[in-house]
Amino acid sequence: MRSHRFRFPVGFGTAVTITTLLSGCGGGSSSPPPGTVGNVVLRDANNYTSKSTLTLPKVQTLPGADLKICWGGVAKDILCHNLTATTDIDNVSFLQLPNLTEQEIEKKLAAGQLAASMIKVYRDFHTDHQMTCTTLSSMTFGGTALVPDQDYAAASDRKYLLLFSKGTTPGSGARTMMFLEPTAASTNTAIEAPDGCSSNILKFTADITTPQPVAAPKAGPFVVDWSQLTRDGIGNEVIFQKLDNVIVGFYQGMTVADLQASFLNIELIATSLYRGPIPAGQKYLDLTTTKDASGAAFTGFTSTDGVWAVAVMCSTCQVPAPIALTILKPTP
């Protein structure tokens, strides 16, 4: 594996972003900072903060066995969103991680700090969207197949991880996951993927009520600029080249506290939701280029009986959380 970060997103739904307007709430200045293009400028001071933990289930098996691995019983992902096993699981991946404890692996995944250099063996299987089972020996990577009696041996200095994912980018889009433990005490050779919700794999809390909201002009322009953003809501460095979508949403009849309580569903519960792609490496986007599901373009902050939020997303980042999130307060 290359020495970059191992990507581990779960398709959080909204990487809702932090925006701060020049003269708006949150200490805006009378002129934009050097290097900015937009008039709605994102700063770290307005970013949400979060805490997340992962507790992965573990199944013991016969060492070196060509395990049969099935995922047909998975009905919800680790965000407790519904999924269809045949269509929503595109990839099953196997990771051998030496010299780490299970607790260390969970912490690194939750913090977005699991690097590819920590993975000794990676193999995966691209599903056909018909069958919901595979075997260890069917997993390959770079033309090399997994060899169970070599790559899945009992050893005190190795841990084994299975990811069941949407998309086929290694480590990306995990919907559920588990540890495997080969042990001579077990004769088990059949694995069922855990349901992501009922297994209580992910615990995630976010604070979006403490950061100052950001003013946004009702009459426009509506150009969001995140060039001043340096850290995401977890505290990791923002990699601008990975940011790929902007979302702006309206939540009718809701408060900021309501959004915080439903943070993991923030895209699903929007009354109106507009999305637009970010050109590679670009650090700003005109919201009028975003569109809703019907293809209608964003025209402004016309609704006033609820909450507006804007987001910058990373669909291939390691942690299942927004890069940044802020609440917008439309102003005359």
C-alpha atoms as a PDB file:
ATOM      1  CA  MET A   1       0.000   0.000   0.000  1.00  0.00           C
ATOM      2  CA  ARG A   2       1.130   3.536  -0.656  1.00  0.00           C
ATOM      3  CA  SER A   3       1.931   5.792   2.288  1.00  0.00           C
ATOM      4  CA  HIS A   4      -1.078   8.109   1.981  1.00  0.00           C
ATOM      5  CA  ARG A   5      -3.994   8.135   4.427  1.00  0.00           C
ATOM      6  CA  PHE A   6      -6.310   5.146   4.122  1.00  0.00           C
ATOM      7  CA  ARG A   7      -9.669   6.594   3.137  1.00  0.00           C
ATOM      8  CA  PHE A   8     -12.628   5.626   5.280  1.00  0.00           C
ATOM      9  CA  PRO A   9     -15.786   7.623   4.612  1.00  0.00           C
ATOM     10  CA  VAL A  10     -19.229   6.180   5.011  1.00  0.00           C
ATOM     11  CA  GLY A  11     -21.048   8.526   2.763  1.00  0.00           C
ATOM     12  CA  PHE A  12     -22.129  10.753   5.621  1.00  0.00           C
ATOM     13  CA  GLY A  13     -24.542  12.563   3.423  1.00  0.00           C
ATOM     14  CA  THR A  14     -23.578  16.123   4.141  1.00  0.00           C
ATOM     15  CA  ALA A  15     -20.263  17.608   4.754  1.00  0.00           C
ATOM     16  CA  VAL A  16     -21.916  20.789   5.743  1.00  0.00           C
ATOM     17  CA  THR A  17     -19.566  23.664   5.711  1.00  0.00           C
ATOM     18  CA  ILE A  18     -18.661  26.626   7.690  1.00  0.00           C
ATOM     19  CA  THR A  19     -19.145  29.923   6.119  1.00  0.00           C
ATOM     20  CA  THR A  20     -18.473  33.394   7.383  1.00  0.00           C
ATOM     21  CA  LEU A  21     -19.547  36.516   5.584  1.00  0.00           C
ATOM     22  CA  LEU A  22     -17.235  39.514   5.488  1.00  0.00           C
ATOM     23  CA  SER A  23     -19.391  41.788   7.566  1.00  0.00           C
ATOM     24  CA  GLY A  24     -21.525  39.098   9.166  1.00  0.00           C
ATOM     25  CA  CYS A  25     -21.657  37.403  12.516  1.00  0.00           C
ATOM     26  CA  GLY A  26     -18.548  35.756  13.854  1.00  0.00           C
ATOM     27  CA  GLY A  27     -16.096  38.603  13.534  1.00  0.00           C
ATOM     28  CA  GLY A  28     -16.224  39.308   9.802  1.00  0.00           C
ATOM     29  CA  SER A  29     -13.996  42.134   8.525  1.00  0.00           C
ATOM     30  CA  SER A  30     -14.749  44.959   6.108  1.00  0.00           C
ATOM     31  CA  SER A  31     -12.638  43.427   3.372  1.00  0.00           C
ATOM     32  CA  PRO A  32     -11.988  39.806   2.416  1.00  0.00           C
ATOM     33  CA  PRO A  33      -8.808  38.146   3.626  1.00  0.00           C
ATOM     34  CA  PRO A  34      -5.937  37.906   1.125  1.00  0.00           C
ATOM     35  CA  GLY A  35      -6.405  35.053  -1.334  1.00  0.00           C
ATOM     36  CA  THR A  36     -10.175  34.798  -1.026  1.00  0.00           C
ATOM     37  CA  VAL A  37     -12.542  34.908  -3.991  1.00  0.00           C
ATOM     38  CA  GLY A  38     -15.995  34.588  -2.463  1.00  0.00           C
ATOM     39  CA  ASN A  39     -17.926  36.946  -0.228  1.00  0.00           C
ATOM     40  CA  VAL A  40     -19.041  34.206   2.192  1.00  0.00           C
ATOM     41  CA  VAL A  41     -15.758  33.199   3.773  1.00  0.00           C
ATOM     42  CA  LEU A  42     -15.280  30.093   5.912  1.00  0.00           C
ATOM     43  CA  ARG A  43     -13.090  30.269   8.999  1.00  0.00           C
ATOM     44  CA  ASP A  44     -12.084  27.750  11.642  1.00  0.00           C
ATOM     45  CA  ALA A  45     -13.660  29.843  14.411  1.00  0.00           C
ATOM     46  CA  ASN A  46     -17.130  28.999  13.093  1.00  0.00           C
ATOM     47  CA  ASN A  47     -16.576  25.283  12.624  1.00  0.00           C
ATOM     48  CA  TYR A  48     -18.491  22.642  14.509  1.00  0.00           C
ATOM     49  CA  THR A  49     -16.642  20.250  16.769  1.00  0.00           C
ATOM     50  CA  SER A  50     -17.305  16.553  17.164  1.00  0.00           C
ATOM     51  CA  LYS A  51     -16.435  13.401  19.032  1.00  0.00           C
ATOM     52  CA  SER A  52     -16.671   9.930  17.557  1.00  0.00           C
ATOM     53  CA  THR A  53     -15.882   6.415  18.688  1.00  0.00           C
ATOM     54  CA  LEU A  54     -15.994   3.099  16.863  1.00  0.00           C
ATOM     55  CA  THR A  55     -16.620  -0.212  18.600  1.00  0.00           C
ATOM     56  CA  LEU A  56     -16.351  -3.017  16.068  1.00  0.00           C
ATOM     57  CA  PRO A  57     -17.876  -6.465  16.633  1.00  0.00           C
ATOM     58  CA  LYS A  58     -15.487  -9.400  16.457  1.00  0.00           C
ATOM     59  CA  VAL A  59     -16.023 -12.958  15.216  1.00  0.00           C
ATOM     60  CA  GLN A  60     -13.655 -15.830  15.928  1.00  0.00           C
ATOM     61  CA  THR A  61     -12.940 -18.315  13.125  1.00  0.00           C
ATOM     62  CA  LEU A  62     -10.776 -21.233  12.136  1.00  0.00           C
ATOM     63  CA  PRO A  63      -7.270 -19.958  11.253  1.00  0.00           C
ATOM     64  CA  GLY A  64      -6.234 -20.133   7.601  1.00  0.00           C
ATOM     65  CA  ALA A  65      -9.723 -21.106   6.445  1.00  0.00           C
ATOM     66  CA  ASP A  66     -11.169 -19.876   3.183  1.00  0.00           C
ATOM     67  CA  LEU A  67     -14.009 -18.131   5.010  1.00  0.00           C
ATOM     68  CA  LYS A  68     -17.416 -17.707   3.421  1.00  0.00           C
ATOM     69  CA  ILE A  69     -18.395 -14.068   3.962  1.00  0.00           C
ATOM     70  CA  CYS A  70     -22.001 -12.908   3.537  1.00  0.00           C
ATOM     71  CA  TRP A  71     -23.718  -9.529   3.898  1.00  0.00           C
ATOM     72  CA  GLY A  72     -27.309 -10.236   2.883  1.00  0.00           C
ATOM     73  CA  GLY A  73     -28.609  -9.540   6.392  1.00  0.00           C
ATOM     74  CA  VAL A  74     -27.343  -5.971   6.566  1.00  0.00           C
ATOM     75  CA  ALA A  75     -30.354  -3.629   6.583  1.00  0.00           C
ATOM     76  CA  LYS A  76     -28.841  -0.429   7.987  1.00  0.00           C
ATOM     77  CA  ASP A  77     -25.402   1.171   7.860  1.00  0.00           C
ATOM     78  CA  ILE A  78     -23.412   2.503  10.811  1.00  0.00           C
ATOM     79  CA  LEU A  79     -25.301   5.812  10.555  1.00  0.00           C
ATOM     80  CA  CYS A  80     -28.553   3.837  10.959  1.00  0.00           C
ATOM     81  CA  HIS A  81     -29.589   4.695   7.394  1.00  0.00           C
ATOM     82  CA  ASN A  82     -31.484   2.043   5.449  1.00  0.00           C
ATOM     83  CA  LEU A  83     -29.621   0.090   2.788  1.00  0.00           C
ATOM     84  CA  THR A  84     -30.271  -2.752   0.372  1.00  0.00           C
ATOM     85  CA  ALA A  85     -27.526  -5.337   0.645  1.00  0.00           C
ATOM     86  CA  THR A  86     -27.619  -6.381  -3.004  1.00  0.00           C
ATOM     87  CA  THR A  87     -27.358  -2.855  -4.438  1.00  0.00           C
ATOM     88  CA  ASP A  88     -25.668  -0.740  -1.762  1.00  0.00           C
ATOM     89  CA  ILE A  89     -22.655  -2.932  -1.005  1.00  0.00           C
ATOM     90  CA  ASP A  90     -20.163  -2.614  -3.873  1.00  0.00           C
ATOM     91  CA  ASN A  91     -16.991  -3.803  -2.195  1.00  0.00           C
ATOM     92  CA  VAL A  92     -15.860  -6.163   0.546  1.00  0.00           C
ATOM     93  CA  SER A  93     -12.299  -5.580   1.715  1.00  0.00           C
ATOM     94  CA  PHE A  94      -9.890  -7.472   3.951  1.00  0.00           C
ATOM     95  CA  LEU A  95      -7.131  -5.730   5.918  1.00  0.00           C
ATOM     96  CA  GLN A  96      -4.293  -7.307   7.860  1.00  0.00           C
ATOM     97  CA  LEU A  97      -2.854  -4.818  10.355  1.00  0.00           C
ATOM     98  CA  PRO A  98       0.284  -5.766  12.298  1.00  0.00           C
ATOM     99  CA  ASN A  99       1.512  -4.330  15.591  1.00  0.00           C
ATOM    100  CA  LEU A 100      -1.742  -2.579  16.514  1.00  0.00           C
ATOM    101  CA  THR A 101      -4.364  -3.467  19.095  1.00  0.00           C
ATOM    102  CA  GLU A 102      -8.044  -3.493  18.203  1.00  0.00           C
ATOM    103  CA  GLN A 103      -8.545  -0.414  20.373  1.00  0.00           C
ATOM    104  CA  GLU A 104      -5.762   1.426  18.548  1.00  0.00           C
ATOM    105  CA  ILE A 105      -7.305   0.558  15.185  1.00  0.00           C
ATOM    106  CA  GLU A 106     -10.731   1.787  16.314  1.00  0.00           C
ATOM    107  CA  LYS A 107      -9.276   5.058  17.575  1.00  0.00           C
ATOM    108  CA  LYS A 108      -7.307   5.656  14.388  1.00  0.00           C
ATOM    109  CA  LEU A 109     -10.326   4.969  12.202  1.00  0.00           C
ATOM    110  CA  ALA A 110     -12.539   7.246  14.298  1.00  0.00           C
ATOM    111  CA  ALA A 111      -9.951  10.039  14.182  1.00  0.00           C
ATOM    112  CA  GLY A 112      -9.160   9.631  10.490  1.00  0.00           C
ATOM    113  CA  GLN A 113      -5.575   8.625  11.213  1.00  0.00           C
ATOM    114  CA  LEU A 114      -5.297   5.108   9.806  1.00  0.00           C
ATOM    115  CA  ALA A 115      -2.504   5.340   7.238  1.00  0.00           C
ATOM    116  CA  ALA A 116      -1.935   2.895   4.391  1.00  0.00           C
ATOM    117  CA  SER A 117       1.548   2.248   5.788  1.00  0.00           C
ATOM    118  CA  MET A 118      -0.143   0.539   8.761  1.00  0.00           C
ATOM    119  CA  ILE A 119      -1.771  -2.065   6.499  1.00  0.00           C
ATOM    120  CA  LYS A 120       0.372  -5.072   5.573  1.00  0.00           C
ATOM    121  CA  VAL A 121      -2.202  -6.922   3.433  1.00  0.00           C
ATOM    122  CA  TYR A 122      -5.140  -5.415   1.547  1.00  0.00           C
ATOM    123  CA  ARG A 123      -7.436  -7.434  -0.707  1.00  0.00           C
ATOM    124  CA  ASP A 124     -10.993  -6.778  -1.884  1.00  0.00           C
ATOM    125  CA  PHE A 125     -13.927  -8.216  -3.802  1.00  0.00           C
ATOM    126  CA  HIS A 126     -16.166  -6.145  -6.091  1.00  0.00           C
ATOM    127  CA  THR A 127     -19.738  -7.413  -5.764  1.00  0.00           C
ATOM    128  CA  ASP A 128     -21.986  -8.264  -8.734  1.00  0.00           C
ATOM    129  CA  HIS A 129     -25.140  -6.830  -7.054  1.00  0.00           C
ATOM    130  CA  GLN A 130     -26.821 -10.208  -7.266  1.00  0.00           C
ATOM    131  CA  MET A 131     -25.053 -12.561  -4.865  1.00  0.00           C
ATOM    132  CA  THR A 132     -24.375 -11.461  -1.283  1.00  0.00           C
ATOM    133  CA  CYS A 133     -21.577 -13.860  -0.388  1.00  0.00           C
ATOM    134  CA  THR A 134     -17.919 -14.304  -1.305  1.00  0.00           C
ATOM    135  CA  THR A 135     -14.818 -16.059   0.034  1.00  0.00           C
ATOM    136  CA  LEU A 136     -11.436 -14.887   1.231  1.00  0.00           C
ATOM    137  CA  SER A 137      -9.717 -16.528  -1.730  1.00  0.00           C
ATOM    138  CA  SER A 138     -11.889 -14.494  -4.124  1.00  0.00           C
ATOM    139  CA  MET A 139     -10.367 -11.241  -2.868  1.00  0.00           C
ATOM    140  CA  THR A 140      -7.576  -9.670  -4.904  1.00  0.00           C
ATOM    141  CA  PHE A 141      -5.638  -6.426  -5.232  1.00  0.00           C
ATOM    142  CA  GLY A 142      -3.293  -5.446  -8.029  1.00  0.00           C
ATOM    143  CA  GLY A 143      -3.706  -8.916  -9.539  1.00  0.00           C
ATOM    144  CA  THR A 144      -2.665 -10.713  -6.344  1.00  0.00           C
ATOM    145  CA  ALA A 145      -5.178 -12.991  -4.635  1.00  0.00           C
ATOM    146  CA  LEU A 146      -5.552 -13.473  -0.910  1.00  0.00           C
ATOM    147  CA  VAL A 147      -4.032 -16.732   0.317  1.00  0.00           C
ATOM    148  CA  PRO A 148      -5.937 -17.713   3.478  1.00  0.00           C
ATOM    149  CA  ASP A 149      -3.342 -20.000   5.047  1.00  0.00           C
ATOM    150  CA  GLN A 150      -0.694 -17.290   4.673  1.00  0.00           C
ATOM    151  CA  ASP A 151      -2.612 -14.013   4.944  1.00  0.00           C
ATOM    152  CA  TYR A 152      -5.121 -15.125   7.586  1.00  0.00           C
ATOM    153  CA  ALA A 153      -3.041 -16.964  10.162  1.00  0.00           C
ATOM    154  CA  ALA A 154      -3.385 -16.785  13.938  1.00  0.00           C
ATOM    155  CA  ALA A 155      -0.739 -14.438  15.316  1.00  0.00           C
ATOM    156  CA  SER A 156      -0.652 -12.226  18.389  1.00  0.00           C
ATOM    157  CA  ASP A 157       0.850  -9.317  16.455  1.00  0.00           C
ATOM    158  CA  ARG A 158      -1.802  -9.210  13.678  1.00  0.00           C
ATOM    159  CA  LYS A 159      -5.354  -7.936  13.566  1.00  0.00           C
ATOM    160  CA  TYR A 160      -7.841  -8.534  10.748  1.00  0.00           C
ATOM    161  CA  LEU A 161     -10.566  -6.182   9.568  1.00  0.00           C
ATOM    162  CA  LEU A 162     -13.450  -6.551   7.104  1.00  0.00           C
ATOM    163  CA  LEU A 163     -15.121  -3.511   5.509  1.00  0.00           C
ATOM    164  CA  PHE A 164     -18.386  -3.647   3.550  1.00  0.00           C
ATOM    165  CA  SER A 165     -18.543  -0.524   1.413  1.00  0.00           C
ATOM    166  CA  LYS A 166     -20.381   1.585  -1.120  1.00  0.00           C
ATOM    167  CA  GLY A 167     -18.011   2.278  -4.001  1.00  0.00           C
ATOM    168  CA  THR A 168     -14.830   0.415  -4.841  1.00  0.00           C
ATOM    169  CA  THR A 169     -12.142   2.895  -3.794  1.00  0.00           C
ATOM    170  CA  PRO A 170     -10.029   1.109  -1.142  1.00  0.00           C
ATOM    171  CA  GLY A 171     -11.274   2.052   2.311  1.00  0.00           C
ATOM    172  CA  SER A 172     -13.952   4.396   1.001  1.00  0.00           C
ATOM    173  CA  GLY A 173     -17.662   4.367   1.766  1.00  0.00           C
ATOM    174  CA  ALA A 174     -17.744   1.778   4.557  1.00  0.00           C
ATOM    175  CA  ARG A 175     -21.320   0.866   5.523  1.00  0.00           C
ATOM    176  CA  THR A 176     -20.449  -1.676   8.201  1.00  0.00           C
ATOM    177  CA  MET A 177     -17.299  -3.387   9.486  1.00  0.00           C
ATOM    178  CA  MET A 178     -15.958  -6.032  11.830  1.00  0.00           C
ATOM    179  CA  PHE A 179     -12.862  -7.651  13.259  1.00  0.00           C
ATOM    180  CA  LEU A 180     -11.959 -11.256  12.472  1.00  0.00           C
ATOM    181  CA  GLU A 181      -9.942 -13.325  14.926  1.00  0.00           C
ATOM    182  CA  PRO A 182      -8.438 -16.619  13.767  1.00  0.00           C
ATOM    183  CA  THR A 183      -8.065 -18.959  16.732  1.00  0.00           C
ATOM    184  CA  ALA A 184      -7.452 -22.677  17.154  1.00  0.00           C
ATOM    185  CA  ALA A 185     -10.394 -22.751  19.563  1.00  0.00           C
ATOM    186  CA  SER A 186     -12.848 -22.083  16.732  1.00  0.00           C
ATOM    187  CA  THR A 187     -14.118 -24.228  13.838  1.00  0.00           C
ATOM    188  CA  ASN A 188     -16.233 -21.424  12.369  1.00  0.00           C
ATOM    189  CA  THR A 189     -15.753 -20.821   8.635  1.00  0.00           C
ATOM    190  CA  ALA A 190     -18.863 -18.728   7.854  1.00  0.00           C
ATOM    191  CA  ILE A 191     -19.133 -14.987   8.499  1.00  0.00           C
ATOM    192  CA  GLU A 192     -22.221 -12.767   8.506  1.00  0.00           C
ATOM    193  CA  ALA A 193     -21.606  -9.034   8.247  1.00  0.00           C
ATOM    194  CA  PRO A 194     -23.013  -7.126  11.233  1.00  0.00           C
ATOM    195  CA  ASP A 195     -25.909  -4.740  10.785  1.00  0.00           C
ATOM    196  CA  GLY A 196     -24.352  -1.320  11.137  1.00  0.00           C
ATOM    197  CA  CYS A 197     -27.095   0.136  13.323  1.00  0.00           C
ATOM    198  CA  SER A 198     -28.140  -2.688  15.648  1.00  0.00           C
ATOM    199  CA  SER A 199     -24.476  -3.444  16.340  1.00  0.00           C
ATOM    200  CA  ASN A 200     -23.972   0.113  17.682  1.00  0.00           C
ATOM    201  CA  ILE A 201     -20.655   0.430  15.873  1.00  0.00           C
ATOM    202  CA  LEU A 202     -20.528   4.225  15.657  1.00  0.00           C
ATOM    203  CA  LYS A 203     -21.101   6.780  18.396  1.00  0.00           C
ATOM    204  CA  PHE A 204     -20.913  10.342  17.114  1.00  0.00           C
ATOM    205  CA  THR A 205     -21.753  13.674  18.727  1.00  0.00           C
ATOM    206  CA  ALA A 206     -21.412  17.122  17.197  1.00  0.00           C
ATOM    207  CA  ASP A 207     -21.617  20.637  18.579  1.00  0.00           C
ATOM    208  CA  ILE A 208     -23.113  23.107  16.106  1.00  0.00           C
ATOM    209  CA  THR A 209     -24.793  25.352  18.662  1.00  0.00           C
ATOM    210  CA  THR A 210     -21.632  26.802  20.230  1.00  0.00           C
ATOM    211  CA  PRO A 211     -19.912  28.202  17.092  1.00  0.00           C
ATOM    212  CA  GLN A 212     -21.122  31.621  16.004  1.00  0.00           C
ATOM    213  CA  PRO A 213     -23.560  31.599  13.089  1.00  0.00           C
ATOM    214  CA  VAL A 214     -22.573  33.367   9.886  1.00  0.00           C
ATOM    215  CA  ALA A 215     -24.516  36.088   8.116  1.00  0.00           C
ATOM    216  CA  ALA A 216     -25.369  35.591   4.449  1.00  0.00           C
ATOM    217  CA  PRO A 217     -26.814  38.250   2.097  1.00  0.00           C
ATOM    218  CA  LYS A 218     -30.381  37.589   1.025  1.00  0.00           C
ATOM    219  CA  ALA A 219     -29.803  39.479  -2.220  1.00  0.00           C
ATOM    220  CA  GLY A 220     -26.481  37.818  -3.022  1.00  0.00           C
ATOM    221  CA  PRO A 221     -23.884  37.286  -4.228  1.00  0.00           C
ATOM    222  CA  PHE A 222     -23.757  33.766  -2.806  1.00  0.00           C
ATOM    223  CA  VAL A 223     -20.136  32.750  -3.359  1.00  0.00           C
ATOM    224  CA  VAL A 224     -18.865  30.486  -0.583  1.00  0.00           C
ATOM    225  CA  ASP A 225     -15.100  30.580  -0.036  1.00  0.00           C
ATOM    226  CA  TRP A 226     -13.356  28.006   2.165  1.00  0.00           C
ATOM    227  CA  SER A 227      -9.755  29.006   1.463  1.00  0.00           C
ATOM    228  CA  GLN A 228      -9.312  30.161   5.084  1.00  0.00           C
ATOM    229  CA  LEU A 229     -10.420  26.817   6.524  1.00  0.00           C
ATOM    230  CA  THR A 230      -7.557  24.764   7.976  1.00  0.00           C
ATOM    231  CA  ARG A 231      -9.181  22.099  10.209  1.00  0.00           C
ATOM    232  CA  ASP A 232     -12.257  19.932   9.916  1.00  0.00           C
ATOM    233  CA  GLY A 233     -14.731  19.267  12.709  1.00  0.00           C
ATOM    234  CA  ILE A 234     -12.547  16.500  14.127  1.00  0.00           C
ATOM    235  CA  GLY A 235      -9.439  18.662  14.094  1.00  0.00           C
ATOM    236  CA  ASN A 236      -7.641  17.099  11.122  1.00  0.00           C
ATOM    237  CA  GLU A 237      -5.971  19.204   8.468  1.00  0.00           C
ATOM    238  CA  VAL A 238      -8.212  20.016   5.511  1.00  0.00           C
ATOM    239  CA  ILE A 239      -6.932  18.592   2.215  1.00  0.00           C
ATOM    240  CA  PHE A 240      -8.512  20.945  -0.335  1.00  0.00           C
ATOM    241  CA  GLN A 241      -7.955  18.610  -3.281  1.00  0.00           C
ATOM    242  CA  LYS A 242     -10.303  16.051  -1.689  1.00  0.00           C
ATOM    243  CA  LEU A 243     -13.272  18.397  -1.269  1.00  0.00           C
ATOM    244  CA  ASP A 244     -15.755  17.533  -3.991  1.00  0.00           C
ATOM    245  CA  ASN A 245     -19.245  18.886  -3.239  1.00  0.00           C
ATOM    246  CA  VAL A 246     -21.031  21.850  -1.713  1.00  0.00           C
ATOM    247  CA  ILE A 247     -24.472  21.481  -0.191  1.00  0.00           C
ATOM    248  CA  VAL A 248     -26.832  24.213   0.967  1.00  0.00           C
ATOM    249  CA  GLY A 249     -29.958  23.171   2.828  1.00  0.00           C
ATOM    250  CA  PHE A 250     -33.051  24.687   4.399  1.00  0.00           C
ATOM    251  CA  TYR A 251     -34.782  23.082   7.395  1.00  0.00           C
ATOM    252  CA  GLN A 252     -38.298  24.411   7.746  1.00  0.00           C
ATOM    253  CA  GLY A 253     -39.663  24.769  11.270  1.00  0.00           C
ATOM    254  CA  MET A 254     -36.441  23.572  12.853  1.00  0.00           C
ATOM    255  CA  THR A 255     -33.924  25.118  15.221  1.00  0.00           C
ATOM    256  CA  VAL A 256     -30.157  24.738  15.360  1.00  0.00           C
ATOM    257  CA  ALA A 257     -30.625  22.438  18.352  1.00  0.00           C
ATOM    258  CA  ASP A 258     -32.950  20.274  16.248  1.00  0.00           C
ATOM    259  CA  LEU A 259     -30.260  19.961  13.589  1.00  0.00           C
ATOM    260  CA  GLN A 260     -27.667  19.064  16.175  1.00  0.00           C
ATOM    261  CA  ALA A 261     -29.915  16.308  17.540  1.00  0.00           C
ATOM    262  CA  SER A 262     -30.273  14.865  14.010  1.00  0.00           C
ATOM    263  CA  PHE A 263     -26.740  15.586  12.852  1.00  0.00           C
ATOM    264  CA  LEU A 264     -26.202  12.208  11.170  1.00  0.00           C
ATOM    265  CA  ASN A 265     -29.350  12.749   9.103  1.00  0.00           C
ATOM    266  CA  ILE A 266     -28.733  16.369   8.197  1.00  0.00           C
ATOM    267  CA  GLU A 267     -28.990  15.723   4.472  1.00  0.00           C
ATOM    268  CA  LEU A 268     -31.988  13.428   4.726  1.00  0.00           C
ATOM    269  CA  ILE A 269     -34.151  15.805   6.779  1.00  0.00           C
ATOM    270  CA  ALA A 270     -33.657  18.951   4.673  1.00  0.00           C
ATOM    271  CA  THR A 271     -36.814  20.612   3.370  1.00  0.00           C
ATOM    272  CA  SER A 272     -34.816  21.931   0.412  1.00  0.00           C
ATOM    273  CA  LEU A 273     -31.346  20.698  -0.533  1.00  0.00           C
ATOM    274  CA  TYR A 274     -29.073  21.987  -3.287  1.00  0.00           C
ATOM    275  CA  ARG A 275     -25.818  20.330  -4.345  1.00  0.00           C
ATOM    276  CA  GLY A 276     -22.978  21.334  -6.632  1.00  0.00           C
ATOM    277  CA  PRO A 277     -19.614  19.790  -7.560  1.00  0.00           C
ATOM    278  CA  ILE A 278     -16.343  21.502  -6.734  1.00  0.00           C
ATOM    279  CA  PRO A 279     -13.818  21.736  -9.582  1.00  0.00           C
ATOM    280  CA  ALA A 280     -10.653  19.929  -8.506  1.00  0.00           C
ATOM    281  CA  GLY A 281      -8.670  21.996  -6.015  1.00  0.00           C
ATOM    282  CA  GLN A 282     -10.990  25.020  -6.197  1.00  0.00           C
ATOM    283  CA  LYS A 283     -11.639  26.778  -2.878  1.00  0.00           C
ATOM    284  CA  TYR A 284     -14.878  28.595  -3.649  1.00  0.00           C
ATOM    285  CA  LEU A 285     -18.234  27.978  -5.308  1.00  0.00           C
ATOM    286  CA  ASP A 286     -21.142  30.156  -6.389  1.00  0.00           C
ATOM    287  CA  LEU A 287     -24.203  28.637  -4.740  1.00  0.00           C
ATOM    288  CA  THR A 288     -26.314  29.542  -7.772  1.00  0.00           C
ATOM    289  CA  THR A 289     -24.542  26.661  -9.542  1.00  0.00           C
ATOM    290  CA  THR A 290     -25.993  24.179  -7.035  1.00  0.00           C
ATOM    291  CA  LYS A 291     -29.218  22.342  -7.894  1.00  0.00           C
ATOM    292  CA  ASP A 292     -31.887  20.370  -6.101  1.00  0.00           C
ATOM    293  CA  ALA A 293     -32.971  16.828  -6.997  1.00  0.00           C
ATOM    294  CA  SER A 294     -35.338  18.129  -9.679  1.00  0.00           C
ATOM    295  CA  GLY A 295     -32.602  20.169 -11.345  1.00  0.00           C
ATOM    296  CA  ALA A 296     -33.794  23.561 -10.084  1.00  0.00           C
ATOM    297  CA  ALA A 297     -30.985  25.973  -9.204  1.00  0.00           C
ATOM    298  CA  PHE A 298     -30.498  27.738  -5.887  1.00  0.00           C
ATOM    299  CA  THR A 299     -31.848  31.299  -6.133  1.00  0.00           C
ATOM    300  CA  GLY A 300     -31.262  32.668  -2.648  1.00  0.00           C
ATOM    301  CA  PHE A 301     -32.251  32.519   0.993  1.00  0.00           C
ATOM    302  CA  THR A 302     -35.934  33.151   0.345  1.00  0.00           C
ATOM    303  CA  SER A 303     -37.410  31.051   3.171  1.00  0.00           C
ATOM    304  CA  THR A 304     -37.280  32.469   6.694  1.00  0.00           C
ATOM    305  CA  ASP A 305     -39.277  30.025   8.848  1.00  0.00           C
ATOM    306  CA  GLY A 306     -36.434  27.675   9.669  1.00  0.00           C
ATOM    307  CA  VAL A 307     -32.683  27.203   9.524  1.00  0.00           C
ATOM    308  CA  TRP A 308     -30.198  27.470   6.639  1.00  0.00           C
ATOM    309  CA  ALA A 309     -26.936  25.535   6.607  1.00  0.00           C
ATOM    310  CA  VAL A 310     -24.183  25.283   4.025  1.00  0.00           C
ATOM    311  CA  ALA A 311     -21.712  22.489   3.530  1.00  0.00           C
ATOM    312  CA  VAL A 312     -18.480  21.550   1.848  1.00  0.00           C
ATOM    313  CA  MET A 313     -18.183  17.805   1.435  1.00  0.00           C
ATOM    314  CA  CYS A 314     -15.522  15.169   1.000  1.00  0.00           C
ATOM    315  CA  SER A 315     -16.974  11.876  -0.219  1.00  0.00           C
ATOM    316  CA  THR A 316     -13.642  10.050  -0.001  1.00  0.00           C
ATOM    317  CA  CYS A 317     -12.300  11.245   3.327  1.00  0.00           C
ATOM    318  CA  GLN A 318     -11.570   8.817   6.118  1.00  0.00           C
ATOM    319  CA  VAL A 319     -14.095   9.789   8.778  1.00  0.00           C
ATOM    320  CA  PRO A 320     -17.903   9.661   8.434  1.00  0.00           C
ATOM    321  CA  ALA A 321     -18.484  13.303   9.286  1.00  0.00           C
ATOM    322  CA  PRO A 322     -18.702  16.687   7.565  1.00  0.00           C
ATOM    323  CA  ILE A 323     -15.500  18.560   6.857  1.00  0.00           C
ATOM    324  CA  ALA A 324     -17.116  21.667   8.279  1.00  0.00           C
ATOM    325  CA  LEU A 325     -20.552  22.929   9.197  1.00  0.00           C
ATOM    326  CA  THR A 326     -22.138  26.272   9.910  1.00  0.00           C
ATOM    327  CA  ILE A 327     -25.535  27.795  10.317  1.00  0.00           C
ATOM    328  CA  LEU A 328     -26.295  30.733   8.020  1.00  0.00           C
ATOM    329  CA  LYS A 329     -28.344  33.758   9.055  1.00  0.00           C
ATOM    330  CA  PRO A 330     -29.689  35.500   5.949  1.00  0.00           C
ATOM    331  CA  THR A 331     -29.442  39.279   6.260  1.00  0.00           C
ATOM    332  CA  PRO A 332     -30.834  42.166   4.169  1.00  0.00           C
END
